[in-house]
Amino acid sequence: LHDDLDFKSSLTREDFEAMASDLFDRSSVPISKALTAAGMKISDIDAIELVGGGMRVPKVQKALSKVTGDKELGMHINSDESMALGAAFHGANISTAFRVRKVGMTDVTMFPV
């Protein structure tokens, strides 16, 4: 709702993929950079777990599968729950109302798309 006007639109998957094609092409770059920085090859990786909204997009899954080869792309972690859990741990860490064992946390985006 904007200026008392209700807006509704639809978009086909084909149109969406065409409009976002440059992003899909870039989605595998962080994997290559991370492997290079770690001095590893994809064959050194035992398991891959995807987290985030992009994991639900079939075109992203396909682009990542090209890089990872025959490795299964795990999608077992609910990204909404992981963010809520992280927020709860962070709140517990900084709380003065109750004592909990500190949970180590580092928020880093080393390889942004």
N, C-alpha and C. Protein backbone atom coordinates (compact mmCIF):
# COMPACT_ATOMS: atom_id res chain seq x y z
N LEU A 1 0.85 -1.16 0.00
CA LEU A 1 0.00 0.00 0.00
C LEU A 1 0.90 1.23 0.00
N HIS A 2 0.73 2.09 -0.98
CA HIS A 2 1.51 3.32 -1.08
C HIS A 2 0.59 4.42 -1.56
N ASP A 3 0.56 5.51 -0.85
CA ASP A 3 -0.33 6.62 -1.19
C ASP A 3 -1.76 6.15 -1.42
N ASP A 4 -2.22 5.28 -0.54
CA ASP A 4 -3.58 4.72 -0.62
C ASP A 4 -3.84 3.94 -1.90
N LEU A 5 -2.80 3.50 -2.56
CA LEU A 5 -2.96 2.67 -3.75
C LEU A 5 -2.40 1.28 -3.44
N ASP A 6 -3.20 0.29 -3.70
CA ASP A 6 -2.78 -1.09 -3.51
C ASP A 6 -2.08 -1.54 -4.79
N PHE A 7 -0.89 -2.05 -4.66
CA PHE A 7 -0.11 -2.47 -5.83
C PHE A 7 0.06 -3.98 -5.80
N LYS A 8 -0.19 -4.58 -6.93
CA LYS A 8 -0.01 -6.02 -7.06
C LYS A 8 0.61 -6.29 -8.42
N SER A 9 1.55 -7.22 -8.44
CA SER A 9 2.21 -7.55 -9.69
C SER A 9 2.59 -9.03 -9.66
N SER A 10 2.89 -9.55 -10.80
CA SER A 10 3.36 -10.93 -10.86
C SER A 10 4.58 -10.98 -11.76
N LEU A 11 5.36 -12.00 -11.55
CA LEU A 11 6.61 -12.14 -12.28
C LEU A 11 6.83 -13.63 -12.51
N THR A 12 7.11 -13.99 -13.74
CA THR A 12 7.38 -15.40 -14.03
C THR A 12 8.80 -15.73 -13.60
N ARG A 13 9.02 -16.99 -13.32
CA ARG A 13 10.38 -17.41 -12.95
C ARG A 13 11.35 -17.08 -14.08
N GLU A 14 10.92 -17.28 -15.32
CA GLU A 14 11.78 -17.00 -16.47
C GLU A 14 12.21 -15.53 -16.49
N ASP A 15 11.25 -14.62 -16.28
CA ASP A 15 11.57 -13.19 -16.25
C ASP A 15 12.48 -12.85 -15.07
N PHE A 16 12.18 -13.44 -13.91
CA PHE A 16 13.01 -13.21 -12.72
C PHE A 16 14.45 -13.64 -12.98
N GLU A 17 14.61 -14.83 -13.56
CA GLU A 17 15.95 -15.34 -13.82
C GLU A 17 16.68 -14.49 -14.85
N ALA A 18 15.95 -13.96 -15.83
CA ALA A 18 16.58 -13.09 -16.83
C ALA A 18 17.03 -11.78 -16.19
N MET A 19 16.20 -11.21 -15.33
CA MET A 19 16.54 -9.93 -14.69
C MET A 19 17.70 -10.08 -13.70
N ALA A 20 17.81 -11.23 -13.07
CA ALA A 20 18.84 -11.43 -12.05
C ALA A 20 20.01 -12.28 -12.54
N SER A 21 20.13 -12.45 -13.84
CA SER A 21 21.16 -13.35 -14.38
C SER A 21 22.57 -12.97 -13.95
N ASP A 22 22.87 -11.68 -13.87
CA ASP A 22 24.22 -11.28 -13.46
C ASP A 22 24.50 -11.69 -12.01
N LEU A 23 23.48 -11.71 -11.17
CA LEU A 23 23.67 -12.15 -9.79
C LEU A 23 23.88 -13.65 -9.71
N PHE A 24 23.16 -14.40 -10.53
CA PHE A 24 23.34 -15.85 -10.54
C PHE A 24 24.76 -16.20 -11.00
N ASP A 25 25.26 -15.46 -11.98
CA ASP A 25 26.61 -15.71 -12.47
C ASP A 25 27.65 -15.46 -11.38
N ARG A 26 27.37 -14.51 -10.49
CA ARG A 26 28.31 -14.16 -9.42
C ARG A 26 28.17 -15.03 -8.18
N SER A 27 27.12 -15.84 -8.10
CA SER A 27 26.84 -16.57 -6.86
C SER A 27 27.89 -17.62 -6.52
N SER A 28 28.62 -18.10 -7.49
CA SER A 28 29.62 -19.13 -7.19
C SER A 28 31.00 -18.54 -6.92
N VAL A 29 31.20 -17.27 -7.17
CA VAL A 29 32.51 -16.64 -6.97
C VAL A 29 33.00 -16.73 -5.52
N PRO A 30 32.15 -16.48 -4.51
CA PRO A 30 32.64 -16.59 -3.13
C PRO A 30 33.16 -17.98 -2.78
N ILE A 31 32.59 -19.02 -3.36
CA ILE A 31 33.07 -20.38 -3.08
C ILE A 31 34.48 -20.53 -3.61
N SER A 32 34.71 -20.09 -4.84
CA SER A 32 36.04 -20.19 -5.43
C SER A 32 37.06 -19.38 -4.64
N LYS A 33 36.68 -18.19 -4.23
CA LYS A 33 37.59 -17.33 -3.45
C LYS A 33 37.91 -17.95 -2.09
N ALA A 34 36.89 -18.50 -1.43
CA ALA A 34 37.10 -19.11 -0.11
C ALA A 34 38.02 -20.32 -0.22
N LEU A 35 37.80 -21.15 -1.24
CA LEU A 35 38.67 -22.31 -1.42
C LEU A 35 40.10 -21.90 -1.71
N THR A 36 40.28 -20.89 -2.54
CA THR A 36 41.62 -20.39 -2.85
C THR A 36 42.29 -19.85 -1.60
N ALA A 37 41.56 -19.05 -0.83
CA ALA A 37 42.12 -18.47 0.39
C ALA A 37 42.51 -19.54 1.40
N ALA A 38 41.76 -20.64 1.43
CA ALA A 38 42.04 -21.74 2.36
C ALA A 38 43.05 -22.73 1.81
N GLY A 39 43.45 -22.55 0.54
CA GLY A 39 44.37 -23.48 -0.08
C GLY A 39 43.75 -24.86 -0.26
N MET A 40 42.47 -24.89 -0.57
CA MET A 40 41.75 -26.15 -0.70
C MET A 40 41.13 -26.29 -2.08
N LYS A 41 40.71 -27.52 -2.38
CA LYS A 41 39.95 -27.80 -3.59
C LYS A 41 38.58 -28.29 -3.15
N ILE A 42 37.63 -28.28 -4.06
CA ILE A 42 36.29 -28.73 -3.72
C ILE A 42 36.29 -30.18 -3.27
N SER A 43 37.25 -30.96 -3.75
CA SER A 43 37.34 -32.37 -3.34
C SER A 43 37.74 -32.52 -1.87
N ASP A 44 38.28 -31.45 -1.27
CA ASP A 44 38.65 -31.48 0.15
C ASP A 44 37.45 -31.27 1.07
N ILE A 45 36.33 -30.87 0.51
CA ILE A 45 35.13 -30.56 1.29
C ILE A 45 34.26 -31.82 1.40
N ASP A 46 33.84 -32.12 2.62
CA ASP A 46 33.00 -33.29 2.85
C ASP A 46 31.51 -32.97 2.75
N ALA A 47 31.11 -31.80 3.21
CA ALA A 47 29.69 -31.46 3.23
C ALA A 47 29.51 -29.97 2.97
N ILE A 48 28.41 -29.63 2.34
CA ILE A 48 28.09 -28.24 2.03
C ILE A 48 26.69 -27.96 2.55
N GLU A 49 26.57 -26.91 3.35
CA GLU A 49 25.26 -26.54 3.90
C GLU A 49 24.96 -25.11 3.48
N LEU A 50 23.82 -24.92 2.83
CA LEU A 50 23.40 -23.60 2.38
C LEU A 50 22.48 -22.97 3.41
N VAL A 51 22.69 -21.69 3.67
CA VAL A 51 21.84 -20.94 4.60
C VAL A 51 21.53 -19.60 3.95
N GLY A 52 20.29 -19.20 4.01
CA GLY A 52 19.90 -17.90 3.48
C GLY A 52 18.76 -18.02 2.49
N GLY A 53 18.16 -16.89 2.20
CA GLY A 53 17.01 -16.88 1.30
C GLY A 53 17.34 -17.35 -0.10
N GLY A 54 18.56 -17.09 -0.55
CA GLY A 54 18.96 -17.48 -1.89
C GLY A 54 18.96 -18.97 -2.13
N MET A 55 19.08 -19.72 -1.05
CA MET A 55 19.12 -21.18 -1.20
C MET A 55 17.81 -21.74 -1.73
N ARG A 56 16.74 -20.96 -1.62
CA ARG A 56 15.43 -21.43 -2.09
C ARG A 56 15.24 -21.24 -3.59
N VAL A 57 16.16 -20.54 -4.23
CA VAL A 57 16.04 -20.23 -5.66
C VAL A 57 16.72 -21.33 -6.47
N PRO A 58 15.96 -22.05 -7.29
CA PRO A 58 16.54 -23.16 -8.05
C PRO A 58 17.73 -22.75 -8.92
N LYS A 59 17.70 -21.56 -9.48
CA LYS A 59 18.81 -21.11 -10.34
C LYS A 59 20.10 -20.93 -9.53
N VAL A 60 19.99 -20.48 -8.29
CA VAL A 60 21.15 -20.36 -7.41
C VAL A 60 21.69 -21.75 -7.10
N GLN A 61 20.80 -22.67 -6.79
CA GLN A 61 21.22 -24.05 -6.51
C GLN A 61 21.95 -24.64 -7.72
N LYS A 62 21.45 -24.37 -8.90
CA LYS A 62 22.08 -24.89 -10.12
C LYS A 62 23.47 -24.29 -10.33
N ALA A 63 23.59 -22.98 -10.10
CA ALA A 63 24.89 -22.31 -10.25
C ALA A 63 25.90 -22.86 -9.25
N LEU A 64 25.46 -23.08 -8.02
CA LEU A 64 26.37 -23.62 -7.00
C LEU A 64 26.72 -25.07 -7.28
N SER A 65 25.78 -25.81 -7.84
CA SER A 65 26.05 -27.21 -8.18
C SER A 65 27.12 -27.34 -9.26
N LYS A 66 27.18 -26.36 -10.16
CA LYS A 66 28.23 -26.38 -11.19
C LYS A 66 29.61 -26.33 -10.55
N VAL A 67 29.75 -25.53 -9.51
CA VAL A 67 31.04 -25.37 -8.84
C VAL A 67 31.35 -26.55 -7.93
N THR A 68 30.33 -27.05 -7.25
CA THR A 68 30.55 -28.10 -6.26
C THR A 68 30.55 -29.50 -6.85
N GLY A 69 30.18 -29.61 -8.10
CA GLY A 69 30.20 -30.92 -8.75
C GLY A 69 29.15 -31.85 -8.19
N ASP A 70 29.58 -33.04 -7.80
CA ASP A 70 28.62 -34.05 -7.34
C ASP A 70 28.28 -33.93 -5.86
N LYS A 71 28.78 -32.91 -5.20
CA LYS A 71 28.48 -32.73 -3.77
C LYS A 71 27.02 -32.35 -3.59
N GLU A 72 26.39 -32.95 -2.61
CA GLU A 72 25.01 -32.60 -2.30
C GLU A 72 24.97 -31.25 -1.59
N LEU A 73 24.07 -30.39 -2.02
CA LEU A 73 23.90 -29.09 -1.37
C LEU A 73 22.89 -29.27 -0.25
N GLY A 74 23.38 -29.27 0.98
CA GLY A 74 22.50 -29.45 2.13
C GLY A 74 21.70 -28.19 2.41
N MET A 75 20.44 -28.35 2.68
CA MET A 75 19.57 -27.23 3.02
C MET A 75 18.76 -27.62 4.25
N HIS A 76 19.47 -27.97 5.32
CA HIS A 76 18.84 -28.48 6.52
C HIS A 76 18.64 -27.42 7.59
N ILE A 77 19.30 -26.29 7.45
CA ILE A 77 19.23 -25.24 8.46
C ILE A 77 18.24 -24.19 8.00
N ASN A 78 17.23 -23.92 8.81
CA ASN A 78 16.26 -22.89 8.51
C ASN A 78 16.91 -21.54 8.78
N SER A 79 17.06 -20.72 7.74
CA SER A 79 17.78 -19.45 7.90
C SER A 79 17.06 -18.49 8.82
N ASP A 80 15.73 -18.53 8.84
CA ASP A 80 14.99 -17.67 9.75
C ASP A 80 15.25 -18.07 11.21
N GLU A 81 15.25 -19.37 11.45
CA GLU A 81 15.51 -19.85 12.81
C GLU A 81 16.95 -19.56 13.22
N SER A 82 17.89 -19.70 12.30
CA SER A 82 19.29 -19.48 12.66
C SER A 82 19.53 -18.02 13.02
N MET A 83 18.85 -17.10 12.34
CA MET A 83 18.99 -15.68 12.69
C MET A 83 18.39 -15.41 14.06
N ALA A 84 17.22 -15.99 14.35
CA ALA A 84 16.58 -15.79 15.65
C ALA A 84 17.44 -16.39 16.77
N LEU A 85 18.02 -17.56 16.51
CA LEU A 85 18.86 -18.20 17.50
C LEU A 85 20.12 -17.36 17.73
N GLY A 86 20.70 -16.85 16.66
CA GLY A 86 21.88 -15.99 16.79
C GLY A 86 21.57 -14.73 17.59
N ALA A 87 20.40 -14.14 17.35
CA ALA A 87 19.99 -12.95 18.10
C ALA A 87 19.81 -13.28 19.57
N ALA A 88 19.24 -14.45 19.86
CA ALA A 88 19.06 -14.87 21.26
C ALA A 88 20.40 -15.07 21.95
N PHE A 89 21.34 -15.71 21.27
CA PHE A 89 22.68 -15.90 21.84
C PHE A 89 23.37 -14.56 22.06
N HIS A 90 23.25 -13.66 21.10
CA HIS A 90 23.87 -12.35 21.25
C HIS A 90 23.26 -11.61 22.44
N GLY A 91 21.93 -11.65 22.56
CA GLY A 91 21.26 -11.00 23.69
C GLY A 91 21.72 -11.59 25.01
N ALA A 92 21.86 -12.90 25.07
CA ALA A 92 22.33 -13.55 26.30
C ALA A 92 23.75 -13.13 26.63
N ASN A 93 24.58 -12.98 25.60
CA ASN A 93 25.97 -12.58 25.82
C ASN A 93 26.08 -11.19 26.43
N ILE A 94 25.22 -10.28 26.00
CA ILE A 94 25.35 -8.89 26.47
C ILE A 94 24.43 -8.56 27.65
N SER A 95 23.60 -9.50 28.05
CA SER A 95 22.65 -9.26 29.13
C SER A 95 23.36 -9.15 30.47
N THR A 96 22.88 -8.23 31.28
CA THR A 96 23.35 -8.13 32.67
C THR A 96 22.29 -8.67 33.63
N ALA A 97 21.12 -9.05 33.10
CA ALA A 97 20.01 -9.52 33.93
C ALA A 97 20.21 -10.96 34.41
N PHE A 98 20.91 -11.76 33.63
CA PHE A 98 21.15 -13.13 34.03
C PHE A 98 22.50 -13.58 33.49
N ARG A 99 23.05 -14.62 34.13
CA ARG A 99 24.36 -15.09 33.74
C ARG A 99 24.23 -16.36 32.90
N VAL A 100 24.94 -16.37 31.80
CA VAL A 100 25.00 -17.55 30.95
C VAL A 100 26.45 -17.73 30.52
N ARG A 101 26.75 -18.93 30.10
CA ARG A 101 28.08 -19.15 29.56
C ARG A 101 28.17 -18.39 28.22
N LYS A 102 29.23 -17.66 28.04
CA LYS A 102 29.38 -16.87 26.81
C LYS A 102 29.47 -17.79 25.60
N VAL A 103 28.77 -17.39 24.56
CA VAL A 103 28.78 -18.12 23.31
C VAL A 103 29.62 -17.31 22.33
N GLY A 104 30.66 -17.91 21.79
CA GLY A 104 31.52 -17.20 20.85
C GLY A 104 30.78 -16.91 19.55
N MET A 105 30.86 -15.67 19.11
CA MET A 105 30.17 -15.27 17.88
C MET A 105 31.05 -14.30 17.10
N THR A 106 31.07 -14.49 15.81
CA THR A 106 31.76 -13.58 14.91
C THR A 106 30.87 -13.37 13.71
N ASP A 107 30.53 -12.13 13.43
CA ASP A 107 29.68 -11.81 12.29
C ASP A 107 30.57 -11.25 11.19
N VAL A 108 30.76 -12.04 10.16
CA VAL A 108 31.69 -11.67 9.10
C VAL A 108 31.09 -12.01 7.74
N THR A 109 31.26 -11.11 6.79
CA THR A 109 30.91 -11.41 5.40
C THR A 109 32.20 -11.23 4.60
N MET A 110 32.97 -12.30 4.56
CA MET A 110 34.28 -12.21 3.92
C MET A 110 34.20 -12.27 2.39
N PHE A 111 33.18 -12.96 1.88
CA PHE A 111 33.08 -13.16 0.45
C PHE A 111 31.69 -12.77 -0.04
N PRO A 112 31.38 -11.47 -0.03
CA PRO A 112 30.03 -11.07 -0.45
C PRO A 112 29.82 -11.30 -1.95
N VAL A 113 28.58 -11.61 -2.30
CA VAL A 113 28.21 -11.76 -3.70
C VAL A 113 28.03 -10.38 -4.24
